[in-house]
């Protein structure tokens, strides 16, 4: 089953630009070779970490947005886990939230009480 995922990757702050590019391209290639589709690779750049990791206070952040099966996410995480240039990563499945429809009777009751009616799809 193909789902949408996001993986946030924090790279070592002292990596040269060429190695940052190579790491991003490797992640993108791994997703595509597994049958996934990359929607975007956002480079957030150098940022302060919330807490020190390996005695470092900064990291280079990259957000990967893609659609794939769960096996591609497992392989990506396995690869990120063994790479020395990766400080941390986290992958999440993106879930679309649908607006809840309110029954007409309830809307009339809310209007009678003076509450603003809820939007309807």
Protein backbone atom coordinates (compact mmCIF):
# COMPACT_ATOMS: atom_id res chain seq x y z
CA UNK A 1 0.00 0.00 0.00
CA UNK A 2 1.41 3.37 -1.02
CA UNK A 3 1.22 6.10 1.62
CA UNK A 4 2.70 9.57 2.03
CA UNK A 5 5.67 9.89 4.37
CA UNK A 6 7.98 12.60 5.65
CA UNK A 7 11.46 11.95 6.96
CA UNK A 8 13.36 14.70 8.79
CA UNK A 9 17.11 14.15 8.68
CA UNK A 10 19.70 16.01 10.77
CA UNK A 11 23.18 15.92 9.26
CA UNK A 12 26.53 16.60 10.94
CA UNK A 13 27.17 20.39 10.89
CA UNK A 14 30.79 20.16 9.69
CA UNK A 15 30.06 18.21 6.49
CA UNK A 16 31.33 19.78 3.27
CA UNK A 17 28.66 20.91 0.78
CA UNK A 18 29.56 18.07 -1.62
CA UNK A 19 28.93 15.41 1.03
CA UNK A 20 25.61 17.01 2.01
CA UNK A 21 24.52 16.87 -1.67
CA UNK A 22 25.69 13.25 -1.96
CA UNK A 23 23.76 12.21 1.17
CA UNK A 24 20.56 13.92 -0.06
CA UNK A 25 20.93 12.35 -3.52
CA UNK A 26 21.54 8.91 -1.97
CA UNK A 27 18.32 9.17 0.08
CA UNK A 28 16.36 10.33 -2.99
CA UNK A 29 17.82 7.54 -5.14
CA UNK A 30 17.01 4.91 -2.48
CA UNK A 31 13.35 6.02 -2.37
CA UNK A 32 13.01 6.03 -6.17
CA UNK A 33 14.77 2.68 -6.65
CA UNK A 34 12.34 1.12 -4.16
CA UNK A 35 9.38 2.24 -6.26
CA UNK A 36 8.62 5.41 -4.29
CA UNK A 37 7.99 8.89 -5.65
CA UNK A 38 9.78 11.90 -4.14
CA UNK A 39 7.56 14.99 -3.89
CA UNK A 40 10.29 17.20 -2.45
CA UNK A 41 13.56 17.49 -0.59
CA UNK A 42 13.48 20.69 1.45
CA UNK A 43 16.80 21.87 2.80
CA UNK A 44 16.19 23.83 5.97
CA UNK A 45 19.88 24.49 6.44
CA UNK A 46 21.91 24.88 9.62
CA UNK A 47 19.85 25.17 12.81
CA UNK A 48 20.34 24.97 16.54
CA UNK A 49 19.52 21.60 18.11
CA UNK A 50 17.08 21.43 21.01
CA UNK A 51 19.69 19.46 22.97
CA UNK A 52 23.29 18.42 22.28
CA UNK A 53 23.81 15.30 20.16
CA UNK A 54 27.34 13.84 20.20
CA UNK A 55 28.44 17.09 21.91
CA UNK A 56 27.20 19.12 18.91
CA UNK A 57 24.77 22.04 19.23
CA UNK A 58 23.96 22.58 15.53
CA UNK A 59 22.85 20.39 12.64
CA UNK A 60 21.95 20.62 8.95
CA UNK A 61 18.24 19.82 8.51
CA UNK A 62 16.66 18.18 5.43
CA UNK A 63 12.97 17.22 5.05
CA UNK A 64 12.15 14.48 2.55
CA UNK A 65 8.52 14.22 1.38
CA UNK A 66 7.63 11.10 -0.59
CA UNK A 67 5.03 8.43 -1.40
CA UNK A 68 6.04 4.78 -1.06
CA UNK A 69 5.36 1.47 0.58
CA UNK A 70 6.45 0.65 4.12
CA UNK A 71 9.38 -1.48 2.90
CA UNK A 72 11.00 1.61 1.32
CA UNK A 73 10.74 3.50 4.62
CA UNK A 74 12.33 0.56 6.47
CA UNK A 75 15.22 0.43 3.98
CA UNK A 76 15.72 4.23 4.13
CA UNK A 77 15.79 4.16 7.94
CA UNK A 78 18.22 1.23 7.94
CA UNK A 79 20.55 3.15 5.64
CA UNK A 80 20.28 6.36 7.70
CA UNK A 81 20.94 4.46 10.92
CA UNK A 82 24.35 3.17 9.76
CA UNK A 83 25.52 6.44 8.11
CA UNK A 84 28.03 8.32 10.26
CA UNK A 85 27.09 11.74 8.85
CA UNK A 86 23.48 11.43 10.16
CA UNK A 87 22.94 12.72 13.71
CA UNK A 88 19.21 11.95 13.94
CA UNK A 89 16.21 11.17 11.74
CA UNK A 90 12.51 10.61 12.19
CA UNK A 91 9.95 9.26 9.71
CA UNK A 92 6.21 9.84 9.98
CA UNK A 93 3.23 8.81 7.88
CA UNK A 94 1.21 11.82 6.70
CA UNK A 95 -2.47 11.36 7.49
CA UNK A 96 -5.12 13.44 5.78
CA UNK A 97 -7.78 14.70 8.17
CA UNK A 98 -11.28 15.09 6.76
CA UNK A 99 -13.65 17.74 8.08
CA UNK A 100 -16.52 16.38 10.11
CA UNK A 101 -20.00 17.01 8.76
CA UNK A 102 -22.59 18.26 11.25
CA UNK A 103 -26.19 17.10 10.97
CA UNK A 104 -28.72 19.84 9.97
CA UNK A 105 -30.69 19.40 13.23
CA UNK A 106 -27.59 20.09 15.30
CA UNK A 107 -26.78 23.17 13.21
CA UNK A 108 -30.28 24.56 13.85
CA UNK A 109 -29.92 23.91 17.59
CA UNK A 110 -26.56 25.72 17.65
CA UNK A 111 -28.04 28.66 15.73
CA UNK A 112 -30.92 28.87 18.23
CA UNK A 113 -28.43 28.98 21.12
CA UNK A 114 -26.52 31.80 19.46
CA UNK A 115 -23.45 29.77 18.58
CA UNK A 116 -21.88 30.29 15.18
CA UNK A 117 -22.81 27.41 12.84
CA UNK A 118 -20.03 25.05 11.91
CA UNK A 119 -18.91 24.89 8.28
CA UNK A 120 -20.27 22.13 6.06
CA UNK A 121 -18.31 20.49 3.26
